[in-house]
Amino acid sequence: ENTSFTQFTTSSDDVANILIRIQKNLDLSPESTKKLLDSMIGQEYRDALPLGFGDYWKVYDKVGFRELDEYHDVAIVVTPRGKTYIVSVLSSGAGTANIADLAKTLKNSLSE
């Protein structure tokens, strides 16, 4: 509802809805979903949400950034016990360290 391809804008809610659809395997074949998730967990920018959630949590994330002005990190996060959460952070001026700190706070407050 809040995404415009001509304006190149979206909302955290719209991105979260896309991640929910990916996690539930609603739009892609199982093979395509696996390839997408493998690419998300294997991408090189891991210094925001993945860093904050730590090594024992699986973080299938996608980042987007524009220089130092904007940094976005959205993820399907799976706890060591298999509980799944959707996290969508679109930020302006926050930087990766603050997003990692947010992930640490979320991790500490989520019950497994």
PDB file of N, CA and C in Angstrom:
ATOM      1  N   GLU A   1       0.798  -1.200   0.000  1.00  0.00           N
ATOM      2  CA  GLU A   1       0.000   0.000   0.000  1.00  0.00           C
ATOM      3  C   GLU A   1       0.846   1.272   0.000  1.00  0.00           C
ATOM      4  N   ASN A   2       2.028   1.216   0.563  1.00  0.00           N
ATOM      5  CA  ASN A   2       2.863   2.416   0.686  1.00  0.00           C
ATOM      6  C   ASN A   2       4.126   2.338  -0.154  1.00  0.00           C
ATOM      7  N   THR A   3       4.102   1.518  -1.177  1.00  0.00           N
ATOM      8  CA  THR A   3       5.262   1.353  -2.037  1.00  0.00           C
ATOM      9  C   THR A   3       4.981   1.974  -3.394  1.00  0.00           C
ATOM     10  N   SER A   4       5.961   2.735  -3.870  1.00  0.00           N
ATOM     11  CA  SER A   4       5.859   3.339  -5.198  1.00  0.00           C
ATOM     12  C   SER A   4       7.147   3.047  -5.956  1.00  0.00           C
ATOM     13  N   PHE A   5       7.012   2.342  -7.076  1.00  0.00           N
ATOM     14  CA  PHE A   5       8.196   2.054  -7.880  1.00  0.00           C
ATOM     15  C   PHE A   5       8.658   3.288  -8.643  1.00  0.00           C
ATOM     16  N   THR A   6       7.755   4.197  -8.965  1.00  0.00           N
ATOM     17  CA  THR A   6       8.163   5.419  -9.666  1.00  0.00           C
ATOM     18  C   THR A   6       8.836   6.406  -8.719  1.00  0.00           C
ATOM     19  N   GLN A   7       8.389   6.457  -7.471  1.00  0.00           N
ATOM     20  CA  GLN A   7       9.003   7.346  -6.471  1.00  0.00           C
ATOM     21  C   GLN A   7      10.186   6.680  -5.766  1.00  0.00           C
ATOM     22  N   PHE A   8      10.332   5.367  -5.951  1.00  0.00           N
ATOM     23  CA  PHE A   8      11.368   4.566  -5.305  1.00  0.00           C
ATOM     24  C   PHE A   8      11.276   4.676  -3.781  1.00  0.00           C
ATOM     25  N   THR A   9      10.040   4.473  -3.281  1.00  0.00           N
ATOM     26  CA  THR A   9       9.791   4.530  -1.848  1.00  0.00           C
ATOM     27  C   THR A   9       9.006   3.295  -1.409  1.00  0.00           C
ATOM     28  N   THR A  10       9.129   2.978  -0.138  1.00  0.00           N
ATOM     29  CA  THR A  10       8.353   1.894   0.454  1.00  0.00           C
ATOM     30  C   THR A  10       8.205   2.184   1.933  1.00  0.00           C
ATOM     31  N   SER A  11       7.524   1.300   2.628  1.00  0.00           N
ATOM     32  CA  SER A  11       7.370   1.437   4.074  1.00  0.00           C
ATOM     33  C   SER A  11       7.872   0.161   4.748  1.00  0.00           C
ATOM     34  N   SER A  12       8.175   0.286   6.011  1.00  0.00           N
ATOM     35  CA  SER A  12       8.617  -0.861   6.791  1.00  0.00           C
ATOM     36  C   SER A  12       7.532  -1.941   6.812  1.00  0.00           C
ATOM     37  N   ASP A  13       6.287  -1.525   6.887  1.00  0.00           N
ATOM     38  CA  ASP A  13       5.169  -2.460   6.897  1.00  0.00           C
ATOM     39  C   ASP A  13       5.062  -3.220   5.578  1.00  0.00           C
ATOM     40  N   ASP A  14       5.211  -2.526   4.458  1.00  0.00           N
ATOM     41  CA  ASP A  14       5.145  -3.195   3.158  1.00  0.00           C
ATOM     42  C   ASP A  14       6.270  -4.216   3.016  1.00  0.00           C
ATOM     43  N   VAL A  15       7.467  -3.849   3.440  1.00  0.00           N
ATOM     44  CA  VAL A  15       8.591  -4.783   3.354  1.00  0.00           C
ATOM     45  C   VAL A  15       8.350  -5.989   4.264  1.00  0.00           C
ATOM     46  N   ALA A  16       7.824  -5.750   5.453  1.00  0.00           N
ATOM     47  CA  ALA A  16       7.519  -6.855   6.376  1.00  0.00           C
ATOM     48  C   ALA A  16       6.499  -7.801   5.748  1.00  0.00           C
ATOM     49  N   ASN A  17       5.506  -7.261   5.069  1.00  0.00           N
ATOM     50  CA  ASN A  17       4.507  -8.110   4.409  1.00  0.00           C
ATOM     51  C   ASN A  17       5.135  -8.976   3.316  1.00  0.00           C
ATOM     52  N   ILE A  18       6.089  -8.440   2.599  1.00  0.00           N
ATOM     53  CA  ILE A  18       6.791  -9.231   1.580  1.00  0.00           C
ATOM     54  C   ILE A  18       7.588 -10.358   2.252  1.00  0.00           C
ATOM     55  N   LEU A  19       8.270 -10.040   3.353  1.00  0.00           N
ATOM     56  CA  LEU A  19       9.036 -11.069   4.069  1.00  0.00           C
ATOM     57  C   LEU A  19       8.125 -12.165   4.618  1.00  0.00           C
ATOM     58  N   ILE A  20       6.957 -11.792   5.083  1.00  0.00           N
ATOM     59  CA  ILE A  20       5.993 -12.793   5.573  1.00  0.00           C
ATOM     60  C   ILE A  20       5.603 -13.724   4.430  1.00  0.00           C
ATOM     61  N   ARG A  21       5.364 -13.162   3.254  1.00  0.00           N
ATOM     62  CA  ARG A  21       4.986 -13.978   2.099  1.00  0.00           C
ATOM     63  C   ARG A  21       6.129 -14.919   1.696  1.00  0.00           C
ATOM     64  N   ILE A  22       7.368 -14.425   1.783  1.00  0.00           N
ATOM     65  CA  ILE A  22       8.522 -15.282   1.476  1.00  0.00           C
ATOM     66  C   ILE A  22       8.632 -16.387   2.505  1.00  0.00           C
ATOM     67  N   GLN A  23       8.517 -16.030   3.779  1.00  0.00           N
ATOM     68  CA  GLN A  23       8.651 -17.005   4.859  1.00  0.00           C
ATOM     69  C   GLN A  23       7.571 -18.082   4.769  1.00  0.00           C
ATOM     70  N   LYS A  24       6.376 -17.705   4.345  1.00  0.00           N
ATOM     71  CA  LYS A  24       5.274 -18.663   4.222  1.00  0.00           C
ATOM     72  C   LYS A  24       5.258 -19.374   2.870  1.00  0.00           C
ATOM     73  N   ASN A  25       6.223 -19.040   2.015  1.00  0.00           N
ATOM     74  CA  ASN A  25       6.348 -19.671   0.696  1.00  0.00           C
ATOM     75  C   ASN A  25       5.065 -19.528  -0.127  1.00  0.00           C
ATOM     76  N   LEU A  26       4.544 -18.306  -0.187  1.00  0.00           N
ATOM     77  CA  LEU A  26       3.277 -18.060  -0.860  1.00  0.00           C
ATOM     78  C   LEU A  26       3.413 -17.751  -2.352  1.00  0.00           C
ATOM     79  N   ASP A  27       4.546 -17.249  -2.794  1.00  0.00           N
ATOM     80  CA  ASP A  27       4.622 -16.740  -4.163  1.00  0.00           C
ATOM     81  C   ASP A  27       5.636 -17.437  -5.056  1.00  0.00           C
ATOM     82  N   LEU A  28       6.588 -18.106  -4.473  1.00  0.00           N
ATOM     83  CA  LEU A  28       7.659 -18.736  -5.244  1.00  0.00           C
ATOM     84  C   LEU A  28       7.587 -20.247  -5.085  1.00  0.00           C
ATOM     85  N   SER A  29       8.221 -20.934  -5.991  1.00  0.00           N
ATOM     86  CA  SER A  29       8.341 -22.388  -5.823  1.00  0.00           C
ATOM     87  C   SER A  29       9.235 -22.651  -4.613  1.00  0.00           C
ATOM     88  N   PRO A  30       9.126 -23.833  -4.023  1.00  0.00           N
ATOM     89  CA  PRO A  30      10.009 -24.143  -2.888  1.00  0.00           C
ATOM     90  C   PRO A  30      11.490 -23.999  -3.243  1.00  0.00           C
ATOM     91  N   GLU A  31      11.870 -24.381  -4.460  1.00  0.00           N
ATOM     92  CA  GLU A  31      13.268 -24.267  -4.885  1.00  0.00           C
ATOM     93  C   GLU A  31      13.691 -22.792  -4.985  1.00  0.00           C
ATOM     94  N   SER A  32      12.818 -21.953  -5.539  1.00  0.00           N
ATOM     95  CA  SER A  32      13.137 -20.525  -5.658  1.00  0.00           C
ATOM     96  C   SER A  32      13.188 -19.859  -4.289  1.00  0.00           C
ATOM     97  N   THR A  33      12.277 -20.253  -3.405  1.00  0.00           N
ATOM     98  CA  THR A  33      12.301 -19.704  -2.046  1.00  0.00           C
ATOM     99  C   THR A  33      13.602 -20.075  -1.351  1.00  0.00           C
ATOM    100  N   LYS A  34      14.036 -21.315  -1.479  1.00  0.00           N
ATOM    101  CA  LYS A  34      15.302 -21.744  -0.867  1.00  0.00           C
ATOM    102  C   LYS A  34      16.475 -20.945  -1.423  1.00  0.00           C
ATOM    103  N   LYS A  35      16.520 -20.748  -2.739  1.00  0.00           N
ATOM    104  CA  LYS A  35      17.604 -19.957  -3.342  1.00  0.00           C
ATOM    105  C   LYS A  35      17.597 -18.532  -2.820  1.00  0.00           C
ATOM    106  N   LEU A  36      16.414 -17.937  -2.719  1.00  0.00           N
ATOM    107  CA  LEU A  36      16.317 -16.572  -2.206  1.00  0.00           C
ATOM    108  C   LEU A  36      16.794 -16.499  -0.759  1.00  0.00           C
ATOM    109  N   LEU A  37      16.315 -17.411   0.084  1.00  0.00           N
ATOM    110  CA  LEU A  37      16.734 -17.403   1.489  1.00  0.00           C
ATOM    111  C   LEU A  37      18.231 -17.672   1.641  1.00  0.00           C
ATOM    112  N   ASP A  38      18.766 -18.573   0.818  1.00  0.00           N
ATOM    113  CA  ASP A  38      20.213 -18.827   0.849  1.00  0.00           C
ATOM    114  C   ASP A  38      20.996 -17.572   0.492  1.00  0.00           C
ATOM    115  N   SER A  39      20.498 -16.827  -0.488  1.00  0.00           N
ATOM    116  CA  SER A  39      21.204 -15.595  -0.876  1.00  0.00           C
ATOM    117  C   SER A  39      21.087 -14.535   0.217  1.00  0.00           C
ATOM    118  N   MET A  40      19.966 -14.512   0.914  1.00  0.00           N
ATOM    119  CA  MET A  40      19.782 -13.534   1.990  1.00  0.00           C
ATOM    120  C   MET A  40      20.688 -13.840   3.179  1.00  0.00           C
ATOM    121  N   ILE A  41      20.798 -15.107   3.552  1.00  0.00           N
ATOM    122  CA  ILE A  41      21.631 -15.448   4.712  1.00  0.00           C
ATOM    123  C   ILE A  41      23.117 -15.385   4.353  1.00  0.00           C
ATOM    124  N   GLY A  42      23.429 -15.462   3.065  1.00  0.00           N
ATOM    125  CA  GLY A  42      24.818 -15.462   2.640  1.00  0.00           C
ATOM    126  C   GLY A  42      25.334 -14.132   2.115  1.00  0.00           C
ATOM    127  N   GLN A  43      24.505 -13.093   2.155  1.00  0.00           N
ATOM    128  CA  GLN A  43      24.967 -11.810   1.607  1.00  0.00           C
ATOM    129  C   GLN A  43      26.041 -11.186   2.497  1.00  0.00           C
ATOM    130  N   GLU A  44      26.821 -10.317   1.936  1.00  0.00           N
ATOM    131  CA  GLU A  44      28.026  -9.839   2.623  1.00  0.00           C
ATOM    132  C   GLU A  44      27.804  -8.764   3.678  1.00  0.00           C
ATOM    133  N   TYR A  45      26.709  -8.048   3.643  1.00  0.00           N
ATOM    134  CA  TYR A  45      26.479  -6.969   4.604  1.00  0.00           C
ATOM    135  C   TYR A  45      25.784  -7.544   5.835  1.00  0.00           C
ATOM    136  N   ARG A  46      26.570  -7.860   6.842  1.00  0.00           N
ATOM    137  CA  ARG A  46      26.059  -8.564   8.026  1.00  0.00           C
ATOM    138  C   ARG A  46      26.331  -7.792   9.318  1.00  0.00           C
ATOM    139  N   ASP A  47      26.522  -6.477   9.214  1.00  0.00           N
ATOM    140  CA  ASP A  47      26.937  -5.719  10.395  1.00  0.00           C
ATOM    141  C   ASP A  47      25.813  -4.924  11.065  1.00  0.00           C
ATOM    142  N   ALA A  48      24.563  -5.272  10.780  1.00  0.00           N
ATOM    143  CA  ALA A  48      23.444  -4.611  11.449  1.00  0.00           C
ATOM    144  C   ALA A  48      22.595  -5.675  12.161  1.00  0.00           C
ATOM    145  N   LEU A  49      21.456  -6.077  11.609  1.00  0.00           N
ATOM    146  CA  LEU A  49      20.608  -7.067  12.278  1.00  0.00           C
ATOM    147  C   LEU A  49      21.335  -8.379  12.570  1.00  0.00           C
ATOM    148  N   PRO A  50      22.044  -8.984  11.618  1.00  0.00           N
ATOM    149  CA  PRO A  50      22.720 -10.252  11.938  1.00  0.00           C
ATOM    150  C   PRO A  50      23.724 -10.130  13.082  1.00  0.00           C
ATOM    151  N   LEU A  51      24.454  -9.054  13.110  1.00  0.00           N
ATOM    152  CA  LEU A  51      25.428  -8.846  14.182  1.00  0.00           C
ATOM    153  C   LEU A  51      24.724  -8.743  15.533  1.00  0.00           C
ATOM    154  N   GLY A  52      23.646  -8.007  15.574  1.00  0.00           N
ATOM    155  CA  GLY A  52      22.921  -7.823  16.835  1.00  0.00           C
ATOM    156  C   GLY A  52      22.259  -9.085  17.349  1.00  0.00           C
ATOM    157  N   PHE A  53      21.718  -9.896  16.451  1.00  0.00           N
ATOM    158  CA  PHE A  53      21.067 -11.136  16.891  1.00  0.00           C
ATOM    159  C   PHE A  53      22.076 -12.222  17.237  1.00  0.00           C
ATOM    160  N   GLY A  54      23.252 -12.160  16.684  1.00  0.00           N
ATOM    161  CA  GLY A  54      24.310 -13.093  17.060  1.00  0.00           C
ATOM    162  C   GLY A  54      24.338 -14.367  16.248  1.00  0.00           C
ATOM    163  N   ASP A  55      25.340 -15.172  16.550  1.00  0.00           N
ATOM    164  CA  ASP A  55      25.645 -16.372  15.766  1.00  0.00           C
ATOM    165  C   ASP A  55      24.609 -17.476  15.861  1.00  0.00           C
ATOM    166  N   TYR A  56      23.888 -17.574  16.946  1.00  0.00           N
ATOM    167  CA  TYR A  56      22.986 -18.704  17.132  1.00  0.00           C
ATOM    168  C   TYR A  56      21.592 -18.475  16.555  1.00  0.00           C
ATOM    169  N   TRP A  57      21.325 -17.271  16.090  1.00  0.00           N
ATOM    170  CA  TRP A  57      20.051 -16.947  15.464  1.00  0.00           C
ATOM    171  C   TRP A  57      20.279 -16.878  13.964  1.00  0.00           C
ATOM    172  N   LYS A  58      19.387 -17.455  13.179  1.00  0.00           N
ATOM    173  CA  LYS A  58      19.485 -17.357  11.724  1.00  0.00           C
ATOM    174  C   LYS A  58      18.826 -16.054  11.292  1.00  0.00           C
ATOM    175  N   VAL A  59      19.563 -15.250  10.543  1.00  0.00           N
ATOM    176  CA  VAL A  59      19.042 -13.967  10.090  1.00  0.00           C
ATOM    177  C   VAL A  59      19.135 -13.925   8.570  1.00  0.00           C
ATOM    178  N   TYR A  60      17.977 -14.078   7.940  1.00  0.00           N
ATOM    179  CA  TYR A  60      17.868 -13.993   6.487  1.00  0.00           C
ATOM    180  C   TYR A  60      17.521 -12.542   6.185  1.00  0.00           C
ATOM    181  N   ASP A  61      18.526 -11.757   5.831  1.00  0.00           N
ATOM    182  CA  ASP A  61      18.260 -10.327   5.707  1.00  0.00           C
ATOM    183  C   ASP A  61      18.611  -9.772   4.333  1.00  0.00           C
ATOM    184  N   LYS A  62      18.062  -8.602   4.100  1.00  0.00           N
ATOM    185  CA  LYS A  62      18.337  -7.828   2.893  1.00  0.00           C
ATOM    186  C   LYS A  62      18.552  -6.404   3.331  1.00  0.00           C
ATOM    187  N   VAL A  63      19.669  -5.850   2.904  1.00  0.00           N
ATOM    188  CA  VAL A  63      19.968  -4.464   3.253  1.00  0.00           C
ATOM    189  C   VAL A  63      19.786  -3.572   2.031  1.00  0.00           C
ATOM    190  N   GLY A  64      19.633  -2.316   2.312  1.00  0.00           N
ATOM    191  CA  GLY A  64      19.618  -1.287   1.280  1.00  0.00           C
ATOM    192  C   GLY A  64      20.196  -0.037   1.896  1.00  0.00           C
ATOM    193  N   PHE A  65      20.978   0.687   1.146  1.00  0.00           N
ATOM    194  CA  PHE A  65      21.567   1.895   1.716  1.00  0.00           C
ATOM    195  C   PHE A  65      21.871   2.911   0.621  1.00  0.00           C
ATOM    196  N   ARG A  66      21.976   4.149   1.052  1.00  0.00           N
ATOM    197  CA  ARG A  66      22.344   5.250   0.169  1.00  0.00           C
ATOM    198  C   ARG A  66      23.399   6.068   0.903  1.00  0.00           C
ATOM    199  N   GLU A  67      24.644   5.782   0.502  1.00  0.00           N
ATOM    200  CA  GLU A  67      25.779   6.443   1.176  1.00  0.00           C
ATOM    201  C   GLU A  67      25.632   6.259   2.678  1.00  0.00           C
ATOM    202  N   LEU A  68      25.866   7.314   3.451  1.00  0.00           N
ATOM    203  CA  LEU A  68      25.713   7.247   4.902  1.00  0.00           C
ATOM    204  C   LEU A  68      24.364   7.794   5.361  1.00  0.00           C
ATOM    205  N   ASP A  69      23.570   8.301   4.411  1.00  0.00           N
ATOM    206  CA  ASP A  69      22.295   8.927   4.769  1.00  0.00           C
ATOM    207  C   ASP A  69      21.250   7.924   5.241  1.00  0.00           C
ATOM    208  N   GLU A  70      21.133   6.828   4.529  1.00  0.00           N
ATOM    209  CA  GLU A  70      20.099   5.852   4.837  1.00  0.00           C
ATOM    210  C   GLU A  70      20.719   4.461   4.923  1.00  0.00           C
ATOM    211  N   TYR A  71      20.231   3.677   5.876  1.00  0.00           N
ATOM    212  CA  TYR A  71      20.622   2.275   5.957  1.00  0.00           C
ATOM    213  C   TYR A  71      19.389   1.503   6.397  1.00  0.00           C
ATOM    214  N   HIS A  72      19.035   0.519   5.607  1.00  0.00           N
ATOM    215  CA  HIS A  72      17.847  -0.283   5.884  1.00  0.00           C
ATOM    216  C   HIS A  72      18.270  -1.745   5.993  1.00  0.00           C
ATOM    217  N   ASP A  73      17.665  -2.447   6.937  1.00  0.00           N
ATOM    218  CA  ASP A  73      17.934  -3.870   7.087  1.00  0.00           C
ATOM    219  C   ASP A  73      16.618  -4.530   7.479  1.00  0.00           C
ATOM    220  N   VAL A  74      16.199  -5.483   6.674  1.00  0.00           N
ATOM    221  CA  VAL A  74      14.950  -6.201   6.920  1.00  0.00           C
ATOM    222  C   VAL A  74      15.262  -7.683   6.931  1.00  0.00           C
ATOM    223  N   ALA A  75      14.564  -8.430   7.792  1.00  0.00           N
ATOM    224  CA  ALA A  75      14.975  -9.823   7.954  1.00  0.00           C
ATOM    225  C   ALA A  75      13.855 -10.738   8.422  1.00  0.00           C
ATOM    226  N   ILE A  76      14.041 -11.995   8.046  1.00  0.00           N
ATOM    227  CA  ILE A  76      13.330 -13.108   8.654  1.00  0.00           C
ATOM    228  C   ILE A  76      14.319 -13.669   9.671  1.00  0.00           C
ATOM    229  N   VAL A  77      13.940 -13.635  10.930  1.00  0.00           N
ATOM    230  CA  VAL A  77      14.841 -14.036  12.010  1.00  0.00           C
ATOM    231  C   VAL A  77      14.289 -15.304  12.659  1.00  0.00           C
ATOM    232  N   VAL A  78      15.146 -16.325  12.772  1.00  0.00           N
ATOM    233  CA  VAL A  78      14.737 -17.591  13.370  1.00  0.00           C
ATOM    234  C   VAL A  78      15.595 -17.842  14.602  1.00  0.00           C
ATOM    235  N   THR A  79      14.927 -18.054  15.732  1.00  0.00           N
ATOM    236  CA  THR A  79      15.631 -18.295  16.990  1.00  0.00           C
ATOM    237  C   THR A  79      16.234 -19.701  16.990  1.00  0.00           C
ATOM    238  N   PRO A  80      17.149 -19.968  17.910  1.00  0.00           N
ATOM    239  CA  PRO A  80      17.717 -21.320  18.004  1.00  0.00           C
ATOM    240  C   PRO A  80      16.660 -22.413  18.214  1.00  0.00           C
ATOM    241  N   ARG A  81      15.518 -22.053  18.774  1.00  0.00           N
ATOM    242  CA  ARG A  81      14.444 -23.029  19.003  1.00  0.00           C
ATOM    243  C   ARG A  81      13.420 -23.062  17.865  1.00  0.00           C
ATOM    244  N   GLY A  82      13.676 -22.287  16.816  1.00  0.00           N
ATOM    245  CA  GLY A  82      12.828 -22.354  15.634  1.00  0.00           C
ATOM    246  C   GLY A  82      11.685 -21.367  15.561  1.00  0.00           C
ATOM    247  N   LYS A  83      11.567 -20.461  16.502  1.00  0.00           N
ATOM    248  CA  LYS A  83      10.526 -19.436  16.444  1.00  0.00           C
ATOM    249  C   LYS A  83      10.952 -18.375  15.435  1.00  0.00           C
ATOM    250  N   THR A  84      10.002 -17.912  14.612  1.00  0.00           N
ATOM    251  CA  THR A  84      10.322 -16.971  13.540  1.00  0.00           C
ATOM    252  C   THR A  84       9.731 -15.595  13.819  1.00  0.00           C
ATOM    253  N   TYR A  85      10.541 -14.578  13.556  1.00  0.00           N
ATOM    254  CA  TYR A  85      10.114 -13.188  13.678  1.00  0.00           C
ATOM    255  C   TYR A  85      10.452 -12.456  12.380  1.00  0.00           C
ATOM    256  N   ILE A  86       9.676 -11.445  12.071  1.00  0.00           N
ATOM    257  CA  ILE A  86       9.956 -10.560  10.946  1.00  0.00           C
ATOM    258  C   ILE A  86      10.396  -9.227  11.535  1.00  0.00           C
ATOM    259  N   VAL A  87      11.546  -8.734  11.091  1.00  0.00           N
ATOM    260  CA  VAL A  87      12.073  -7.458  11.573  1.00  0.00           C
ATOM    261  C   VAL A  87      12.344  -6.575  10.358  1.00  0.00           C
ATOM    262  N   SER A  88      11.818  -5.360  10.395  1.00  0.00           N
ATOM    263  CA  SER A  88      11.980  -4.448   9.273  1.00  0.00           C
ATOM    264  C   SER A  88      12.382  -3.076   9.800  1.00  0.00           C
ATOM    265  N   VAL A  89      13.609  -2.672   9.494  1.00  0.00           N
ATOM    266  CA  VAL A  89      14.140  -1.392   9.971  1.00  0.00           C
ATOM    267  C   VAL A  89      14.537  -0.554   8.763  1.00  0.00           C
ATOM    268  N   LEU A  90      13.834   0.549   8.556  1.00  0.00           N
ATOM    269  CA  LEU A  90      14.201   1.532   7.540  1.00  0.00           C
ATOM    270  C   LEU A  90      14.628   2.777   8.306  1.00  0.00           C
ATOM    271  N   SER A  91      15.849   3.233   8.084  1.00  0.00           N
ATOM    272  CA  SER A  91      16.369   4.310   8.926  1.00  0.00           C
ATOM    273  C   SER A  91      17.008   5.414   8.105  1.00  0.00           C
ATOM    274  N   SER A  92      17.103   6.546   8.752  1.00  0.00           N
ATOM    275  CA  SER A  92      17.794   7.692   8.179  1.00  0.00           C
ATOM    276  C   SER A  92      18.777   8.199   9.219  1.00  0.00           C
ATOM    277  N   GLY A  93      20.054   8.067   8.934  1.00  0.00           N
ATOM    278  CA  GLY A  93      21.085   8.558   9.838  1.00  0.00           C
ATOM    279  C   GLY A  93      21.370   7.675  11.038  1.00  0.00           C
ATOM    280  N   ALA A  94      20.773   6.494  11.121  1.00  0.00           N
ATOM    281  CA  ALA A  94      20.974   5.644  12.299  1.00  0.00           C
ATOM    282  C   ALA A  94      22.279   4.862  12.231  1.00  0.00           C
ATOM    283  N   GLY A  95      22.637   4.370  11.062  1.00  0.00           N
ATOM    284  CA  GLY A  95      23.861   3.599  10.914  1.00  0.00           C
ATOM    285  C   GLY A  95      23.717   2.169  11.396  1.00  0.00           C
ATOM    286  N   THR A  96      24.683   1.356  11.015  1.00  0.00           N
ATOM    287  CA  THR A  96      24.621  -0.072  11.306  1.00  0.00           C
ATOM    288  C   THR A  96      24.757  -0.381  12.801  1.00  0.00           C
ATOM    289  N   ALA A  97      25.571   0.353  13.508  1.00  0.00           N
ATOM    290  CA  ALA A  97      25.780   0.070  14.938  1.00  0.00           C
ATOM    291  C   ALA A  97      24.485   0.239  15.727  1.00  0.00           C
ATOM    292  N   ASN A  98      23.718   1.261  15.425  1.00  0.00           N
ATOM    293  CA  ASN A  98      22.450   1.466  16.128  1.00  0.00           C
ATOM    294  C   ASN A  98      21.432   0.380  15.778  1.00  0.00           C
ATOM    295  N   ILE A  99      21.432  -0.071  14.535  1.00  0.00           N
ATOM    296  CA  ILE A  99      20.523  -1.147  14.150  1.00  0.00           C
ATOM    297  C   ILE A  99      20.945  -2.444  14.839  1.00  0.00           C
ATOM    298  N   ALA A 100      22.243  -2.689  14.941  1.00  0.00           N
ATOM    299  CA  ALA A 100      22.728  -3.871  15.671  1.00  0.00           C
ATOM    300  C   ALA A 100      22.322  -3.790  17.140  1.00  0.00           C
ATOM    301  N   ASP A 101      22.419  -2.611  17.740  1.00  0.00           N
ATOM    302  CA  ASP A 101      21.992  -2.445  19.134  1.00  0.00           C
ATOM    303  C   ASP A 101      20.493  -2.706  19.285  1.00  0.00           C
ATOM    304  N   LEU A 102      19.708  -2.247  18.315  1.00  0.00           N
ATOM    305  CA  LEU A 102      18.272  -2.518  18.337  1.00  0.00           C
ATOM    306  C   LEU A 102      18.015  -4.026  18.285  1.00  0.00           C
ATOM    307  N   ALA A 103      18.745  -4.729  17.424  1.00  0.00           N
ATOM    308  CA  ALA A 103      18.590  -6.185  17.327  1.00  0.00           C
ATOM    309  C   ALA A 103      18.941  -6.857  18.652  1.00  0.00           C
ATOM    310  N   LYS A 104      19.992  -6.394  19.333  1.00  0.00           N
ATOM    311  CA  LYS A 104      20.360  -6.950  20.631  1.00  0.00           C
ATOM    312  C   LYS A 104      19.226  -6.756  21.636  1.00  0.00           C
ATOM    313  N   THR A 105      18.631  -5.566  21.623  1.00  0.00           N
ATOM    314  CA  THR A 105      17.515  -5.277  22.519  1.00  0.00           C
ATOM    315  C   THR A 105      16.323  -6.177  22.211  1.00  0.00           C
ATOM    316  N   LEU A 106      16.019  -6.338  20.928  1.00  0.00           N
ATOM    317  CA  LEU A 106      14.926  -7.235  20.529  1.00  0.00           C
ATOM    318  C   LEU A 106      15.199  -8.661  20.987  1.00  0.00           C
ATOM    319  N   LYS A 107      16.405  -9.111  20.737  1.00  0.00           N
ATOM    320  CA  LYS A 107      16.806 -10.483  21.105  1.00  0.00           C
ATOM    321  C   LYS A 107      16.608 -10.697  22.604  1.00  0.00           C
ATOM    322  N   ASN A 108      17.029  -9.739  23.403  1.00  0.00           N
ATOM    323  CA  ASN A 108      16.927  -9.864  24.858  1.00  0.00           C
ATOM    324  C   ASN A 108      15.487  -9.811  25.357  1.00  0.00           C
ATOM    325  N   SER A 109      14.599  -9.192  24.574  1.00  0.00           N
ATOM    326  CA  SER A 109      13.218  -9.060  25.025  1.00  0.00           C
ATOM    327  C   SER A 109      12.280 -10.115  24.460  1.00  0.00           C
ATOM    328  N   LEU A 110      12.729 -10.855  23.448  1.00  0.00           N
ATOM    329  CA  LEU A 110      11.874 -11.881  22.834  1.00  0.00           C
ATOM    330  C   LEU A 110      11.943 -13.170  23.641  1.00  0.00           C
ATOM    331  N   SER A 111      10.791 -13.719  23.873  1.00  0.00           N
ATOM    332  CA  SER A 111      10.775 -15.013  24.555  1.00  0.00           C
ATOM    333  C   SER A 111      10.872 -16.109  23.515  1.00  0.00           C
ATOM    334  N   GLU A 112      11.606 -17.107  23.839  1.00  0.00           N
ATOM    335  CA  GLU A 112      11.734 -18.239  22.926  1.00  0.00           C
ATOM    336  C   GLU A 112      10.696 -19.239  23.308  1.00  0.00           C
TER     337      GLU A 112
END
